Amino acid sequence: MQVLWEIEKGFVKDILEHFDDPKPAYNTVSTIVRILQDKGFVDHKAYGRTHEYFPTVSKDEYSKSHLSNFVNDYFSNSFGKMVSFFAKEKGITVKEMEEIMKLMEVEVKKQKARL
């Protein structure tokens, strides 16, 4: 997905060009792109037997969906539990926690202003 967002559209060979060596196999990339298509994240335009792929969701939309599923699956749909886990288990520094708190304060003010 990262490559498709960067190049906006491309054939499997175009996607492969953006990988560092050792590059994955052509068939591996082709299979992953088709899986992403089955999930609705990618679509294609056919040119005979060749397909040009393009993303159907923005990076922001994908990120929101993925994060929501992650929080739901691993933290009982609680962002508070997720933040607490990372603060305790993954060694978030005091500075990083302060930055998170500042971001949260800004968001709280925005949401209160909408009420």
C-alpha atoms as a PDB file:
ATOM      1  CA  MET A   1       0.000   0.000   0.000  1.00  0.00           C
ATOM      2  CA  GLN A   2       2.834   2.371   0.838  1.00  0.00           C
ATOM      3  CA  VAL A   3       4.231   2.088  -2.684  1.00  0.00           C
ATOM      4  CA  LEU A   4       0.846   2.496  -4.357  1.00  0.00           C
ATOM      5  CA  TRP A   5       0.123   5.623  -2.322  1.00  0.00           C
ATOM      6  CA  GLU A   6       3.504   6.964  -3.377  1.00  0.00           C
ATOM      7  CA  ILE A   7       3.244   6.194  -7.102  1.00  0.00           C
ATOM      8  CA  GLU A   8      -0.580   6.537  -7.258  1.00  0.00           C
ATOM      9  CA  LYS A   9      -0.920   3.778  -9.870  1.00  0.00           C
ATOM     10  CA  GLY A  10       1.282   1.131 -11.389  1.00  0.00           C
ATOM     11  CA  PHE A  11       1.843  -2.363 -12.655  1.00  0.00           C
ATOM     12  CA  VAL A  12       3.392  -5.055 -10.448  1.00  0.00           C
ATOM     13  CA  LYS A  13       6.783  -4.375 -12.085  1.00  0.00           C
ATOM     14  CA  ASP A  14       6.445  -0.688 -11.108  1.00  0.00           C
ATOM     15  CA  ILE A  15       5.698  -1.640  -7.522  1.00  0.00           C
ATOM     16  CA  LEU A  16       8.697  -3.998  -7.438  1.00  0.00           C
ATOM     17  CA  GLU A  17      11.027  -1.167  -8.507  1.00  0.00           C
ATOM     18  CA  HIS A  18      10.346   0.599  -5.196  1.00  0.00           C
ATOM     19  CA  PHE A  19      11.586  -2.292  -3.039  1.00  0.00           C
ATOM     20  CA  ASP A  20      15.150  -2.509  -1.781  1.00  0.00           C
ATOM     21  CA  ASP A  21      17.286  -5.527  -2.608  1.00  0.00           C
ATOM     22  CA  PRO A  22      16.659  -8.343  -2.131  1.00  0.00           C
ATOM     23  CA  LYS A  23      13.364  -7.643  -3.859  1.00  0.00           C
ATOM     24  CA  PRO A  24      10.414  -9.942  -3.226  1.00  0.00           C
ATOM     25  CA  ALA A  25       9.339 -12.282  -6.005  1.00  0.00           C
ATOM     26  CA  TYR A  26       7.045 -10.889  -8.694  1.00  0.00           C
ATOM     27  CA  ASN A  27       4.382 -13.503  -7.824  1.00  0.00           C
ATOM     28  CA  THR A  28       4.527 -12.551  -4.140  1.00  0.00           C
ATOM     29  CA  VAL A  29       3.827  -8.883  -4.881  1.00  0.00           C
ATOM     30  CA  SER A  30       1.129  -9.840  -7.387  1.00  0.00           C
ATOM     31  CA  THR A  31      -0.582 -12.049  -4.790  1.00  0.00           C
ATOM     32  CA  ILE A  32      -0.465  -9.351  -2.115  1.00  0.00           C
ATOM     33  CA  VAL A  33      -1.901  -6.751  -4.495  1.00  0.00           C
ATOM     34  CA  ARG A  34      -4.752  -9.116  -5.399  1.00  0.00           C
ATOM     35  CA  ILE A  35      -5.457  -9.728  -1.690  1.00  0.00           C
ATOM     36  CA  LEU A  36      -5.569  -5.959  -1.146  1.00  0.00           C
ATOM     37  CA  GLN A  37      -7.960  -5.742  -4.095  1.00  0.00           C
ATOM     38  CA  ASP A  38     -10.202  -8.456  -2.615  1.00  0.00           C
ATOM     39  CA  LYS A  39     -10.308  -6.433   0.617  1.00  0.00           C
ATOM     40  CA  GLY A  40     -11.325  -3.297  -1.300  1.00  0.00           C
ATOM     41  CA  PHE A  41      -8.137  -1.287  -0.750  1.00  0.00           C
ATOM     42  CA  VAL A  42      -6.919  -1.549  -4.355  1.00  0.00           C
ATOM     43  CA  ASP A  43      -8.567  -1.751  -7.762  1.00  0.00           C
ATOM     44  CA  HIS A  44      -7.187  -2.150 -11.256  1.00  0.00           C
ATOM     45  CA  LYS A  45      -7.600  -1.184 -14.873  1.00  0.00           C
ATOM     46  CA  ALA A  46      -7.100  -4.079 -17.262  1.00  0.00           C
ATOM     47  CA  TYR A  47      -5.011  -3.831 -20.404  1.00  0.00           C
ATOM     48  CA  GLY A  48      -5.532  -7.270 -21.879  1.00  0.00           C
ATOM     49  CA  ARG A  49      -3.955  -9.672 -19.390  1.00  0.00           C
ATOM     50  CA  THR A  50      -1.974  -6.925 -17.664  1.00  0.00           C
ATOM     51  CA  HIS A  51      -3.378  -4.918 -14.765  1.00  0.00           C
ATOM     52  CA  GLU A  52      -2.543  -1.425 -13.613  1.00  0.00           C
ATOM     53  CA  TYR A  53      -3.307  -1.125  -9.898  1.00  0.00           C
ATOM     54  CA  PHE A  54      -4.297   1.927  -7.894  1.00  0.00           C
ATOM     55  CA  PRO A  55      -5.402   2.531  -4.293  1.00  0.00           C
ATOM     56  CA  THR A  56      -9.096   3.014  -3.619  1.00  0.00           C
ATOM     57  CA  VAL A  57      -8.602   4.342  -0.088  1.00  0.00           C
ATOM     58  CA  SER A  58      -6.381   7.140   1.133  1.00  0.00           C
ATOM     59  CA  LYS A  59      -3.567   6.518   3.556  1.00  0.00           C
ATOM     60  CA  ASP A  60      -5.565   8.347   6.272  1.00  0.00           C
ATOM     61  CA  GLU A  61      -8.673   6.202   5.690  1.00  0.00           C
ATOM     62  CA  TYR A  62      -6.596   3.025   5.768  1.00  0.00           C
ATOM     63  CA  SER A  63      -4.750   4.114   8.915  1.00  0.00           C
ATOM     64  CA  LYS A  64      -7.984   4.925  10.742  1.00  0.00           C
ATOM     65  CA  SER A  65      -9.509   1.571   9.804  1.00  0.00           C
ATOM     66  CA  HIS A  66      -6.382  -0.392  10.696  1.00  0.00           C
ATOM     67  CA  LEU A  67      -5.912   1.386  14.029  1.00  0.00           C
ATOM     68  CA  SER A  68      -9.565   0.901  14.957  1.00  0.00           C
ATOM     69  CA  ASN A  69      -9.334  -2.828  14.221  1.00  0.00           C
ATOM     70  CA  PHE A  70      -6.054  -3.069  16.149  1.00  0.00           C
ATOM     71  CA  VAL A  71      -7.505  -1.343  19.225  1.00  0.00           C
ATOM     72  CA  ASN A  72     -10.661  -3.454  19.025  1.00  0.00           C
ATOM     73  CA  ASP A  73      -8.819  -6.760  18.596  1.00  0.00           C
ATOM     74  CA  TYR A  74      -6.063  -6.266  21.179  1.00  0.00           C
ATOM     75  CA  PHE A  75      -7.331  -3.695  23.686  1.00  0.00           C
ATOM     76  CA  SER A  76     -11.081  -4.372  24.022  1.00  0.00           C
ATOM     77  CA  ASN A  77     -11.835  -1.299  21.905  1.00  0.00           C
ATOM     78  CA  SER A  78     -10.211   0.984  24.511  1.00  0.00           C
ATOM     79  CA  PHE A  79      -7.686   3.574  23.384  1.00  0.00           C
ATOM     80  CA  GLY A  80      -6.948   4.203  27.068  1.00  0.00           C
ATOM     81  CA  LYS A  81      -5.869   0.572  27.522  1.00  0.00           C
ATOM     82  CA  MET A  82      -3.705   0.813  24.426  1.00  0.00           C
ATOM     83  CA  VAL A  83      -1.927   3.969  25.595  1.00  0.00           C
ATOM     84  CA  SER A  84      -1.475   2.477  29.062  1.00  0.00           C
ATOM     85  CA  PHE A  85       0.018  -0.689  27.564  1.00  0.00           C
ATOM     86  CA  PHE A  86       2.550   1.215  25.482  1.00  0.00           C
ATOM     87  CA  ALA A  87       3.411   3.498  28.393  1.00  0.00           C
ATOM     88  CA  LYS A  88       4.098   0.513  30.680  1.00  0.00           C
ATOM     89  CA  GLU A  89       5.431  -2.150  28.335  1.00  0.00           C
ATOM     90  CA  LYS A  90       7.169  -0.344  25.513  1.00  0.00           C
ATOM     91  CA  GLY A  91       9.144   2.221  27.456  1.00  0.00           C
ATOM     92  CA  ILE A  92       7.563   5.457  26.292  1.00  0.00           C
ATOM     93  CA  THR A  93       9.728   8.239  27.672  1.00  0.00           C
ATOM     94  CA  VAL A  94       8.416  10.976  29.931  1.00  0.00           C
ATOM     95  CA  LYS A  95       8.979  13.456  27.093  1.00  0.00           C
ATOM     96  CA  GLU A  96       6.894  11.326  24.689  1.00  0.00           C
ATOM     97  CA  MET A  97       4.107  11.005  27.281  1.00  0.00           C
ATOM     98  CA  GLU A  98       4.127  14.783  27.787  1.00  0.00           C
ATOM     99  CA  GLU A  99       3.829  15.278  24.025  1.00  0.00           C
ATOM    100  CA  ILE A 100       0.904  12.838  23.919  1.00  0.00           C
ATOM    101  CA  MET A 101      -0.768  14.687  26.783  1.00  0.00           C
ATOM    102  CA  LYS A 102      -0.357  18.026  24.963  1.00  0.00           C
ATOM    103  CA  LEU A 103      -1.910  16.550  21.825  1.00  0.00           C
ATOM    104  CA  MET A 104      -4.785  15.178  23.885  1.00  0.00           C
ATOM    105  CA  GLU A 105      -5.340  18.560  25.573  1.00  0.00           C
ATOM    106  CA  VAL A 106      -5.599  20.246  22.168  1.00  0.00           C
ATOM    107  CA  GLU A 107      -8.076  17.612  20.977  1.00  0.00           C
ATOM    108  CA  VAL A 108     -10.174  17.939  24.161  1.00  0.00           C
ATOM    109  CA  LYS A 109     -10.391  21.705  23.614  1.00  0.00           C
ATOM    110  CA  LYS A 110     -11.442  21.196  19.978  1.00  0.00           C
ATOM    111  CA  GLN A 111     -14.156  18.725  20.922  1.00  0.00           C
ATOM    112  CA  LYS A 112     -15.453  20.918  23.762  1.00  0.00           C
ATOM    113  CA  ALA A 113     -15.648  23.865  21.356  1.00  0.00           C
ATOM    114  CA  ARG A 114     -17.913  21.814  19.059  1.00  0.00           C
ATOM    115  CA  LEU A 115     -20.430  21.164  21.848  1.00  0.00           C
END
